[in-house]
């Protein structure tokens, strides 16, 4: 029996706004609270992240349909611009191709090389990642197998999770393994801001109890410089925090290496959320920048490239804990005995309740119970597009 071929590629945005995720209500912690970031050096962009447009592009969704009528689906960051890349440039490399694991790997190489004039990271990799994930989803559905079964043996029937939230005390009450809190104050706010950060960390460490039972980490989201991060890291180490995440700009490899040298193992350094491809992670690892890598499967190049990144990290004994992307990283984590836990974002407005990360765009997402998630055994990634939404494709390329 011949293998199915790829019959159609579609990219959608919501018809009412270029966003494949629900609009966060005003006052939502992830957009409308003070979280340090690369724009925090300017006072007018310090109070919230919506002010400088973190949500300006929104998201999209990609579908890959096969000759047998199976459809693979994946979310895509980058909104309408990414959807235009998918339909206007990249779809040609999928059309009519046989669907197999080998063809997915070759398609990835062609997508990456074809986008080199404008790509290597960012929007181009968002589009490539979504197409790659949709292909894996379609392959699993065609074979009647979950994606994890295409990768190996399931090692985590119930995958442990930590939660990212400004309220890690609430995450502990929900049964999560640990909590990661966003940093409120940046170096632009001086010694008073540093004192505020450490005081908040101390309060939350006390509220969350024994570090051996519930760990804490801090997400700096590319906001710091080496001297400030050194002082912050030393203070957090004294409070028993487990890691300092993404302290510097992603391209500052020398700075990350120097910071890690200065901290001397007192607290682990994590990075990679905004890194892409095996080559980017090789730089992080070869230069001794990190103790933990955190690729986002929707940004780094998809599952095909995440597997290659893991090979690079495993060869150096560095743990891989993907940035939160729900089922699209759970299947990867499920087959890895080395993976201690995965990330879950508490995306209710206050950061205290479990709500789906992929809703309303995708249906069927498994939710944590007692700090663990059961990785689906349904074919593909186990989620489906919500066809009740009003979706639109890029008009220029239809």
Protein backbone atom coordinates (compact mmCIF):
# COMPACT_ATOMS: atom_id res chain seq x y z
CA UNK A 1 0.00 0.00 0.00
CA UNK A 2 1.48 3.34 -1.03
CA UNK A 3 2.12 6.03 1.53
CA UNK A 4 -0.27 9.00 1.61
CA UNK A 5 0.82 12.23 0.00
CA UNK A 6 0.32 15.83 1.09
CA UNK A 7 -2.69 17.26 -0.70
CA UNK A 8 -3.07 20.72 0.83
CA UNK A 9 -1.44 23.17 3.22
CA UNK A 10 -3.52 25.85 4.91
CA UNK A 11 -2.67 28.65 7.33
CA UNK A 12 -5.41 30.46 9.24
CA UNK A 13 -5.83 33.42 11.52
CA UNK A 14 -9.01 34.29 13.36
CA UNK A 15 -11.24 36.26 11.06
CA UNK A 16 -11.84 39.00 13.62
CA UNK A 17 -8.23 39.56 14.64
CA UNK A 18 -4.78 38.25 13.69
CA UNK A 19 -4.64 35.97 16.70
CA UNK A 20 -5.05 32.23 17.08
CA UNK A 21 -5.38 32.53 20.84
CA UNK A 22 -8.03 34.21 22.93
CA UNK A 23 -7.40 37.87 23.71
CA UNK A 24 -6.23 38.07 27.30
CA UNK A 25 -8.63 40.20 29.30
CA UNK A 26 -7.35 43.53 30.67
CA UNK A 27 -5.35 42.98 33.83
CA UNK A 28 -4.07 39.53 32.85
CA UNK A 29 -0.79 38.79 34.60
CA UNK A 30 1.10 37.73 31.48
CA UNK A 31 0.52 41.01 29.60
CA UNK A 32 -0.69 43.72 31.93
CA UNK A 33 1.54 43.43 34.98
CA UNK A 34 5.08 44.67 35.52
CA UNK A 35 7.41 41.98 34.19
CA UNK A 36 11.04 42.80 33.45
CA UNK A 37 12.06 42.37 29.82
CA UNK A 38 14.33 43.79 27.12
CA UNK A 39 12.15 46.92 26.82
CA UNK A 40 12.16 47.71 30.55
CA UNK A 41 15.08 50.14 30.24
CA UNK A 42 12.54 52.71 28.91
CA UNK A 43 10.04 53.92 31.55
CA UNK A 44 7.17 54.19 29.07
CA UNK A 45 7.39 50.44 28.34
CA UNK A 46 7.99 49.23 31.86
CA UNK A 47 4.55 48.92 33.44
CA UNK A 48 3.23 46.18 31.16
CA UNK A 49 4.27 44.22 28.09
CA UNK A 50 1.24 45.07 26.01
CA UNK A 51 2.53 48.67 25.83
CA UNK A 52 5.37 47.74 23.49
CA UNK A 53 3.42 45.15 21.50
CA UNK A 54 4.33 41.71 22.77
CA UNK A 55 0.91 40.61 21.49
CA UNK A 56 0.93 42.70 18.29
CA UNK A 57 1.26 39.82 15.81
CA UNK A 58 -0.92 37.29 17.58
CA UNK A 59 -0.89 33.73 16.34
CA UNK A 60 -2.06 31.46 13.56
CA UNK A 61 -2.77 27.80 12.94
CA UNK A 62 -1.40 25.52 10.23
CA UNK A 63 -3.14 22.50 8.70
CA UNK A 64 -1.55 19.81 6.52
CA UNK A 65 -4.08 17.60 4.70
CA UNK A 66 -3.15 14.25 3.17
CA UNK A 67 -4.49 12.38 0.13
CA UNK A 68 -6.49 10.12 2.45
CA UNK A 69 -8.23 13.09 4.10
CA UNK A 70 -6.22 13.10 7.34
CA UNK A 71 -5.37 16.55 8.68
CA UNK A 72 -2.46 17.44 10.91
CA UNK A 73 -2.68 20.68 12.86
CA UNK A 74 -0.35 22.91 14.86
CA UNK A 75 -0.45 26.45 16.30
CA UNK A 76 1.92 29.05 14.88
CA UNK A 77 3.33 32.19 16.46
CA UNK A 78 3.70 35.25 14.26
CA UNK A 79 0.08 35.76 13.21
CA UNK A 80 -0.69 36.97 9.72
CA UNK A 81 2.98 37.45 8.66
CA UNK A 82 3.74 33.81 9.53
CA UNK A 83 0.57 32.64 7.75
CA UNK A 84 1.71 34.53 4.65
CA UNK A 85 5.09 32.79 4.79
CA UNK A 86 3.41 29.39 5.03
CA UNK A 87 1.03 29.86 2.11
CA UNK A 88 3.11 32.21 -0.03
CA UNK A 89 6.48 30.52 0.16
CA UNK A 90 6.73 27.30 2.13
CA UNK A 91 3.68 25.30 1.04
CA UNK A 92 5.38 24.47 -2.30
CA UNK A 93 7.89 22.22 -0.50
CA UNK A 94 5.10 20.03 0.92
CA UNK A 95 2.69 19.77 -2.00
CA UNK A 96 2.47 16.26 -3.44
CA UNK A 97 5.17 14.86 -1.13
CA UNK A 98 4.92 11.42 0.39
CA UNK A 99 4.28 11.55 4.14
CA UNK A 100 6.88 9.61 6.09
CA UNK A 101 9.41 10.29 8.81
CA UNK A 102 12.15 10.42 6.19
CA UNK A 103 10.26 12.92 4.05
CA UNK A 104 9.57 15.12 7.09
CA UNK A 105 13.30 15.37 7.73
CA UNK A 106 14.02 16.27 4.10
CA UNK A 107 11.18 18.80 4.01
CA UNK A 108 12.66 20.45 7.13
CA UNK A 109 16.02 20.87 5.42
CA UNK A 110 14.40 22.38 2.35
CA UNK A 111 12.28 24.80 4.39
CA UNK A 112 15.27 25.94 6.41
CA UNK A 113 17.56 26.43 3.43
CA UNK A 114 14.87 28.17 1.36
CA UNK A 115 14.30 30.74 4.12
CA UNK A 116 17.98 31.53 4.78
CA UNK A 117 17.84 34.91 2.96
CA UNK A 118 15.37 36.19 5.55
CA UNK A 119 15.31 33.51 8.21
CA UNK A 120 17.48 31.47 10.59
CA UNK A 121 15.34 32.56 13.56
CA UNK A 122 12.12 34.40 14.34
CA UNK A 123 9.19 34.40 11.93
CA UNK A 124 10.72 31.96 9.47
CA UNK A 125 11.36 29.41 12.23
CA UNK A 126 7.87 29.97 13.66
CA UNK A 127 6.42 28.98 10.28
CA UNK A 128 8.80 26.04 9.83
CA UNK A 129 8.07 24.80 13.36
CA UNK A 130 4.30 24.84 12.80
CA UNK A 131 4.57 23.01 9.48
CA UNK A 132 6.87 20.42 11.01
CA UNK A 133 4.53 19.82 13.96
CA UNK A 134 1.51 19.56 11.65
CA UNK A 135 3.40 16.95 9.58
CA UNK A 136 4.17 14.88 12.68
CA UNK A 137 0.53 15.18 13.75
CA UNK A 138 -0.64 13.99 10.33
CA UNK A 139 1.88 11.11 10.33
CA UNK A 140 0.67 9.89 13.72
CA UNK A 141 -2.96 10.10 12.64
CA UNK A 142 -2.24 8.23 9.40
CA UNK A 143 -0.57 5.43 11.35
CA UNK A 144 -3.14 5.44 14.15
CA UNK A 145 -0.40 6.11 16.68
CA UNK A 146 0.39 8.92 19.12
CA UNK A 147 3.46 10.97 18.24
CA UNK A 148 5.30 9.67 21.30
CA UNK A 149 5.02 6.12 19.86
CA UNK A 150 6.75 7.33 16.69
CA UNK A 151 9.68 8.43 18.88
CA UNK A 152 10.12 5.48 21.21
CA UNK A 153 8.85 3.91 24.41
CA UNK A 154 6.76 5.97 26.80
CA UNK A 155 8.79 6.50 29.99
CA UNK A 156 6.37 8.87 31.76
CA UNK A 157 2.77 7.69 31.93
CA UNK A 158 2.10 10.68 34.16
CA UNK A 159 4.54 13.47 33.30
CA UNK A 160 5.55 15.69 36.27
CA UNK A 161 5.07 19.43 35.76
CA UNK A 162 6.21 22.71 37.20
CA UNK A 163 4.10 25.86 36.81
CA UNK A 164 5.01 29.34 35.57
CA UNK A 165 2.98 31.92 37.47
CA UNK A 166 3.33 35.00 39.66
CA UNK A 167 1.67 32.87 42.37
CA UNK A 168 3.85 29.81 42.90
CA UNK A 169 2.17 29.31 46.28
CA UNK A 170 -1.04 28.59 44.35
CA UNK A 171 0.89 26.20 42.08
CA UNK A 172 2.06 24.25 45.11
CA UNK A 173 -1.51 23.94 46.36
CA UNK A 174 -2.44 22.52 42.93
CA UNK A 175 0.19 19.80 43.25
CA UNK A 176 2.88 21.06 40.86
CA UNK A 177 6.51 20.02 41.33
CA UNK A 178 7.79 23.61 41.42
CA UNK A 179 7.07 27.18 40.41
CA UNK A 180 8.74 29.76 38.20
CA UNK A 181 7.92 33.40 38.80
CA UNK A 182 8.35 36.37 36.47
CA UNK A 183 10.81 39.03 37.66
CA UNK A 184 9.10 42.42 38.21
CA UNK A 185 11.98 44.92 38.39
CA UNK A 186 14.76 45.45 35.84
CA UNK A 187 18.29 46.91 36.21
CA UNK A 188 16.91 50.30 35.11
CA UNK A 189 15.20 50.47 38.52
CA UNK A 190 18.50 50.29 40.35
CA UNK A 191 19.25 48.97 43.82
CA UNK A 192 15.67 49.57 44.97
CA UNK A 193 14.43 47.29 42.19
CA UNK A 194 16.96 44.61 43.07
CA UNK A 195 15.87 44.78 46.70
CA UNK A 196 12.24 44.50 45.59
CA UNK A 197 13.03 41.39 43.50
CA UNK A 198 14.85 39.66 46.34
CA UNK A 199 12.20 40.58 48.89
CA UNK A 200 9.50 39.08 46.65
CA UNK A 201 11.61 35.94 46.20
CA UNK A 202 12.07 35.64 49.97
CA UNK A 203 8.33 36.02 50.65
CA UNK A 204 7.43 33.40 48.07
CA UNK A 205 10.13 31.00 49.26
CA UNK A 206 8.70 31.21 52.75
CA UNK A 207 5.14 30.80 51.47
CA UNK A 208 6.08 27.74 49.39
CA UNK A 209 7.92 25.87 52.13
CA UNK A 210 10.73 23.35 51.86
CA UNK A 211 12.84 23.76 48.65
CA UNK A 212 13.35 19.98 48.57
CA UNK A 213 9.60 19.48 48.26
CA UNK A 214 8.77 22.40 45.95
CA UNK A 215 11.47 24.18 43.96
CA UNK A 216 11.41 27.79 42.80
CA UNK A 217 13.04 29.46 39.80
CA UNK A 218 12.97 32.99 38.35
CA UNK A 219 12.31 33.96 34.74
CA UNK A 220 14.30 37.11 33.90
CA UNK A 221 13.06 37.20 30.29
CA UNK A 222 16.13 38.75 28.65
CA UNK A 223 16.08 41.80 30.95
CA UNK A 224 19.40 41.85 32.83
CA UNK A 225 23.10 42.59 32.39
CA UNK A 226 25.97 40.53 33.80
CA UNK A 227 26.69 42.59 36.96
CA UNK A 228 23.01 42.79 37.94
CA UNK A 229 22.36 39.12 37.14
CA UNK A 230 25.36 38.17 39.27
CA UNK A 231 23.98 40.00 42.30
CA UNK A 232 20.48 38.66 41.72
CA UNK A 233 21.72 35.11 41.21
CA UNK A 234 23.79 35.19 44.39
CA UNK A 235 20.78 36.45 46.34
CA UNK A 236 18.48 33.81 44.89
CA UNK A 237 21.02 31.06 45.57
CA UNK A 238 20.98 32.07 49.23
CA UNK A 239 17.20 31.59 49.22
CA UNK A 240 17.46 28.10 47.73
CA UNK A 241 16.20 28.92 44.22
CA UNK A 242 16.94 26.27 41.61
CA UNK A 243 17.70 28.30 38.47
CA UNK A 244 17.94 31.76 36.94
CA UNK A 245 16.27 31.74 33.52
CA UNK A 246 17.12 33.74 30.39
CA UNK A 247 18.93 36.53 32.25
CA UNK A 248 20.57 38.19 29.20
CA UNK A 249 19.80 38.94 25.57
CA UNK A 250 19.74 35.61 23.68
CA UNK A 251 22.66 36.51 21.39
CA UNK A 252 24.98 37.43 24.27
CA UNK A 253 26.74 34.08 24.44
CA UNK A 254 29.90 35.58 25.96
CA UNK A 255 27.83 37.29 28.64
CA UNK A 256 26.05 34.06 29.56
CA UNK A 257 29.38 32.25 29.84
CA UNK A 258 30.84 35.00 32.04
CA UNK A 259 27.75 35.05 34.27
CA UNK A 260 27.89 31.29 34.71
CA UNK A 261 31.58 31.58 35.61
CA UNK A 262 30.87 34.30 38.17
CA UNK A 263 28.06 32.35 39.85
CA UNK A 264 30.25 29.26 40.07
CA UNK A 265 27.40 26.77 40.28
CA UNK A 266 25.66 28.47 43.21
CA UNK A 267 22.50 28.57 41.08
CA UNK A 268 21.89 26.97 37.69
CA UNK A 269 21.53 29.07 34.53
CA UNK A 270 18.77 28.21 32.06
CA UNK A 271 18.24 29.61 28.55
CA UNK A 272 17.08 28.73 25.07
CA UNK A 273 13.42 29.77 24.95
CA UNK A 274 14.33 32.33 22.28
CA UNK A 275 17.07 30.25 20.65
CA UNK A 276 16.55 28.24 17.46
CA UNK A 277 18.04 25.26 15.60
CA UNK A 278 20.76 22.83 16.62
CA UNK A 279 23.39 25.39 15.61
CA UNK A 280 22.11 28.02 18.04
CA UNK A 281 22.06 25.50 20.88
CA UNK A 282 25.54 24.29 19.98
CA UNK A 283 26.76 27.85 20.60
CA UNK A 284 25.06 27.95 24.00
CA UNK A 285 26.57 24.63 24.99
CA UNK A 286 30.03 24.89 23.44
CA UNK A 287 30.64 28.24 25.13
CA UNK A 288 29.53 26.97 28.53
CA UNK A 289 26.55 29.31 28.80
CA UNK A 290 23.94 27.13 30.49
CA UNK A 291 23.18 24.31 32.90
CA UNK A 292 19.71 23.70 31.44
CA UNK A 293 18.35 24.28 27.91
CA UNK A 294 14.72 25.21 27.23
CA UNK A 295 13.88 25.06 23.51
CA UNK A 296 10.33 25.96 22.51
CA UNK A 297 9.14 23.34 20.01
CA UNK A 298 7.00 25.98 18.28
CA UNK A 299 9.95 28.37 17.79
CA UNK A 300 13.15 26.32 17.61
CA UNK A 301 12.30 24.43 14.40
CA UNK A 302 9.58 21.98 15.43
CA UNK A 303 9.85 18.43 16.70
CA UNK A 304 12.33 17.40 14.01
CA UNK A 305 14.81 20.01 15.19
CA UNK A 306 14.00 19.55 18.88
CA UNK A 307 15.17 15.95 18.56
CA UNK A 308 18.47 17.17 17.07
CA UNK A 309 18.86 19.81 19.79
CA UNK A 310 18.35 17.10 22.40
CA UNK A 311 21.13 15.02 20.83
CA UNK A 312 23.49 17.99 21.14
CA UNK A 313 22.52 18.60 24.77
CA UNK A 314 22.56 14.91 25.74
CA UNK A 315 26.11 14.58 24.40
CA UNK A 316 27.18 17.25 26.89
CA UNK A 317 25.08 16.01 29.79
CA UNK A 318 22.88 19.12 29.86
CA UNK A 319 19.18 18.59 30.71
CA UNK A 320 16.48 19.54 28.19
CA UNK A 321 13.24 20.98 29.59
CA UNK A 322 11.18 22.48 26.75
CA UNK A 323 9.51 25.85 27.14
CA UNK A 324 5.78 25.37 27.80
CA UNK A 325 3.94 24.27 24.65
CA UNK A 326 1.45 21.73 25.98
CA UNK A 327 1.02 18.48 24.02
CA UNK A 328 3.52 19.53 21.36
CA UNK A 329 6.33 19.09 23.87
CA UNK A 330 4.67 16.51 26.16
CA UNK A 331 5.10 13.77 23.55
CA UNK A 332 8.83 14.55 23.34
CA UNK A 333 9.19 14.52 27.13
CA UNK A 334 7.17 11.30 27.49
CA UNK A 335 9.87 9.13 25.86
CA UNK A 336 12.84 10.68 27.67
CA UNK A 337 13.85 9.10 30.98
CA UNK A 338 16.29 12.03 31.37
CA UNK A 339 13.42 14.55 31.46
CA UNK A 340 12.59 15.30 35.07
CA UNK A 341 9.54 17.48 34.39
CA UNK A 342 7.84 19.74 31.84
CA UNK A 343 6.50 23.28 32.04
CA UNK A 344 2.86 24.34 32.37
CA UNK A 345 1.73 27.98 32.24
CA UNK A 346 -1.08 29.01 34.58
CA UNK A 347 -2.90 31.24 32.09
CA UNK A 348 -5.94 32.31 34.05
CA UNK A 349 -5.87 36.09 34.71
CA UNK A 350 -4.44 35.77 38.23
CA UNK A 351 -2.17 32.78 37.60
CA UNK A 352 -3.86 30.63 40.22
CA UNK A 353 -6.05 28.19 38.23
CA UNK A 354 -5.51 25.51 35.59
CA UNK A 355 -6.99 26.45 32.22
CA UNK A 356 -6.16 25.06 28.75
CA UNK A 357 -3.14 26.66 27.11
CA UNK A 358 -4.31 25.97 23.53
CA UNK A 359 -8.01 26.89 23.85
CA UNK A 360 -10.17 27.96 22.14
CA UNK A 361 -8.23 27.23 18.95
CA UNK A 362 -7.50 23.57 19.66
CA UNK A 363 -9.68 21.04 21.44
CA UNK A 364 -8.78 17.94 23.42
CA UNK A 365 -5.78 19.28 25.35
CA UNK A 366 -5.05 17.18 28.47
CA UNK A 367 -4.92 19.17 31.71
CA UNK A 368 -2.79 18.58 34.80
CA UNK A 369 -4.08 16.68 37.79
CA UNK A 370 -2.08 16.82 41.02
CA UNK A 371 0.86 18.35 39.17
CA UNK A 372 1.06 15.66 36.49
CA UNK A 373 -0.35 15.26 32.99
CA UNK A 374 -1.26 12.05 31.19
CA UNK A 375 0.33 12.18 27.75
CA UNK A 376 -2.42 11.30 25.24
CA UNK A 377 -2.53 7.93 23.48
CA UNK A 378 -4.79 9.31 20.75
CA UNK A 379 -3.31 9.40 17.23
CA UNK A 380 -1.04 12.34 16.47
CA UNK A 381 -0.68 14.90 19.23
CA UNK A 382 -4.23 14.19 20.39
CA UNK A 383 -5.74 17.62 19.72
CA UNK A 384 -8.02 18.93 16.96
CA UNK A 385 -8.86 22.29 15.40
CA UNK A 386 -11.98 23.98 16.77
CA UNK A 387 -14.00 24.43 13.58
CA UNK A 388 -16.60 26.55 15.37
CA UNK A 389 -14.17 29.47 15.31
CA UNK A 390 -14.36 31.94 12.46
CA UNK A 391 -11.03 31.51 10.68
CA UNK A 392 -9.55 33.26 7.65
CA UNK A 393 -6.67 32.44 5.31
CA UNK A 394 -4.23 35.00 3.88
CA UNK A 395 -6.15 36.49 0.93
CA UNK A 396 -3.11 37.28 -1.17
CA UNK A 397 -2.18 33.65 -1.71
CA UNK A 398 -5.57 31.96 -2.09
